[in-house]
Amino acid sequence: MIEAVWHRRAYVLPQDVYEVAADVLRSRLIVNDASLYLLLDNENAPYKTETELINHLIKELLEGVALP
């Protein structure tokens, strides 16, 4: 992991994984068309773009993870 190398460690800590998780998930998540239609059809939707929706989902996922 880049975080472990950056800190000159030969091992990875849970915090290292957590630090890069958002960037990794952002490149892996795909929002289906139905979700995008909900965004486009609802002018009161809290998220106006796919990026805002994905960022919100990632934040919610990571907040639910307790580091050991």
C-alpha atoms as a PDB file:
ATOM      1  CA  MET A   1       0.000   0.000   0.000  1.00  0.00           C
ATOM      2  CA  ILE A   2       1.165   3.440  -0.860  1.00  0.00           C
ATOM      3  CA  GLU A   3       0.468   4.757   2.645  1.00  0.00           C
ATOM      4  CA  ALA A   4       2.741   2.155   4.247  1.00  0.00           C
ATOM      5  CA  VAL A   5       5.511   2.882   1.749  1.00  0.00           C
ATOM      6  CA  TRP A   6       5.050   6.607   2.254  1.00  0.00           C
ATOM      7  CA  HIS A   7       5.614   6.122   5.981  1.00  0.00           C
ATOM      8  CA  ARG A   8       8.518   3.715   5.318  1.00  0.00           C
ATOM      9  CA  ARG A   9       6.817   0.672   6.776  1.00  0.00           C
ATOM     10  CA  ALA A  10       6.994  -2.886   5.467  1.00  0.00           C
ATOM     11  CA  TYR A  11       3.492  -3.581   6.756  1.00  0.00           C
ATOM     12  CA  VAL A  12       0.022  -2.133   6.254  1.00  0.00           C
ATOM     13  CA  LEU A  13      -2.157  -0.770   9.043  1.00  0.00           C
ATOM     14  CA  PRO A  14      -5.973  -0.636   8.957  1.00  0.00           C
ATOM     15  CA  GLN A  15      -5.686   3.168   8.898  1.00  0.00           C
ATOM     16  CA  ASP A  16      -3.656   2.880   5.669  1.00  0.00           C
ATOM     17  CA  VAL A  17      -6.493   1.017   3.988  1.00  0.00           C
ATOM     18  CA  TYR A  18      -9.021   3.516   5.310  1.00  0.00           C
ATOM     19  CA  GLU A  19      -7.002   6.438   3.951  1.00  0.00           C
ATOM     20  CA  VAL A  20      -7.124   5.176   0.368  1.00  0.00           C
ATOM     21  CA  ALA A  21     -10.555   3.504   0.490  1.00  0.00           C
ATOM     22  CA  ALA A  22     -12.505   6.517  -0.810  1.00  0.00           C
ATOM     23  CA  ASP A  23     -10.282   6.918  -3.859  1.00  0.00           C
ATOM     24  CA  VAL A  24     -10.385   3.202  -4.640  1.00  0.00           C
ATOM     25  CA  LEU A  25     -14.159   2.971  -4.208  1.00  0.00           C
ATOM     26  CA  ARG A  26     -14.747   6.092  -6.278  1.00  0.00           C
ATOM     27  CA  SER A  27     -13.076   4.432  -9.251  1.00  0.00           C
ATOM     28  CA  ARG A  28     -15.010   1.185  -8.744  1.00  0.00           C
ATOM     29  CA  LEU A  29     -18.592   2.293  -8.032  1.00  0.00           C
ATOM     30  CA  ILE A  30     -21.067   2.445 -10.869  1.00  0.00           C
ATOM     31  CA  VAL A  31     -24.410   4.154 -10.363  1.00  0.00           C
ATOM     32  CA  ASN A  32     -27.153   2.392 -12.269  1.00  0.00           C
ATOM     33  CA  ASP A  33     -29.455   4.244 -14.655  1.00  0.00           C
ATOM     34  CA  ALA A  34     -32.423   4.079 -12.271  1.00  0.00           C
ATOM     35  CA  SER A  35     -30.502   6.012  -9.625  1.00  0.00           C
ATOM     36  CA  LEU A  36     -29.475   8.624 -12.153  1.00  0.00           C
ATOM     37  CA  TYR A  37     -33.080   9.049 -13.290  1.00  0.00           C
ATOM     38  CA  LEU A  38     -34.071   9.693  -9.680  1.00  0.00           C
ATOM     39  CA  LEU A  39     -31.462  12.429  -9.558  1.00  0.00           C
ATOM     40  CA  LEU A  40     -32.569  13.973 -12.831  1.00  0.00           C
ATOM     41  CA  ASP A  41     -36.341  13.717 -12.297  1.00  0.00           C
ATOM     42  CA  ASN A  42     -36.383  15.093  -8.770  1.00  0.00           C
ATOM     43  CA  GLU A  43     -35.476  18.767  -8.632  1.00  0.00           C
ATOM     44  CA  ASN A  44     -35.451  18.530  -4.822  1.00  0.00           C
ATOM     45  CA  ALA A  45     -32.864  15.733  -4.889  1.00  0.00           C
ATOM     46  CA  PRO A  46     -29.999  16.490  -2.500  1.00  0.00           C
ATOM     47  CA  TYR A  47     -27.443  15.319  -5.073  1.00  0.00           C
ATOM     48  CA  LYS A  48     -27.463  16.992  -8.453  1.00  0.00           C
ATOM     49  CA  THR A  49     -24.673  14.953 -10.037  1.00  0.00           C
ATOM     50  CA  GLU A  50     -23.513  11.373 -10.105  1.00  0.00           C
ATOM     51  CA  THR A  51     -20.268  12.441  -8.440  1.00  0.00           C
ATOM     52  CA  GLU A  52     -22.112  14.002  -5.499  1.00  0.00           C
ATOM     53  CA  LEU A  53     -24.170  10.839  -5.065  1.00  0.00           C
ATOM     54  CA  ILE A  54     -21.120   8.568  -5.187  1.00  0.00           C
ATOM     55  CA  ASN A  55     -19.214  10.764  -2.729  1.00  0.00           C
ATOM     56  CA  HIS A  56     -22.175  10.606  -0.343  1.00  0.00           C
ATOM     57  CA  LEU A  57     -22.412   6.809  -0.629  1.00  0.00           C
ATOM     58  CA  ILE A  58     -18.696   6.380   0.019  1.00  0.00           C
ATOM     59  CA  LYS A  59     -18.859   8.682   3.027  1.00  0.00           C
ATOM     60  CA  GLU A  60     -21.778   6.688   4.447  1.00  0.00           C
ATOM     61  CA  LEU A  61     -19.938   3.394   3.876  1.00  0.00           C
ATOM     62  CA  LEU A  62     -16.735   4.551   5.514  1.00  0.00           C
ATOM     63  CA  GLU A  63     -18.518   6.088   8.504  1.00  0.00           C
ATOM     64  CA  GLY A  64     -20.006   2.655   9.207  1.00  0.00           C
ATOM     65  CA  VAL A  65     -16.609   0.964   9.374  1.00  0.00           C
ATOM     66  CA  ALA A  66     -14.945   0.751  12.763  1.00  0.00           C
ATOM     67  CA  LEU A  67     -11.186   0.530  12.657  1.00  0.00           C
ATOM     68  CA  PRO A  68      -9.679  -2.135  14.913  1.00  0.00           C
END
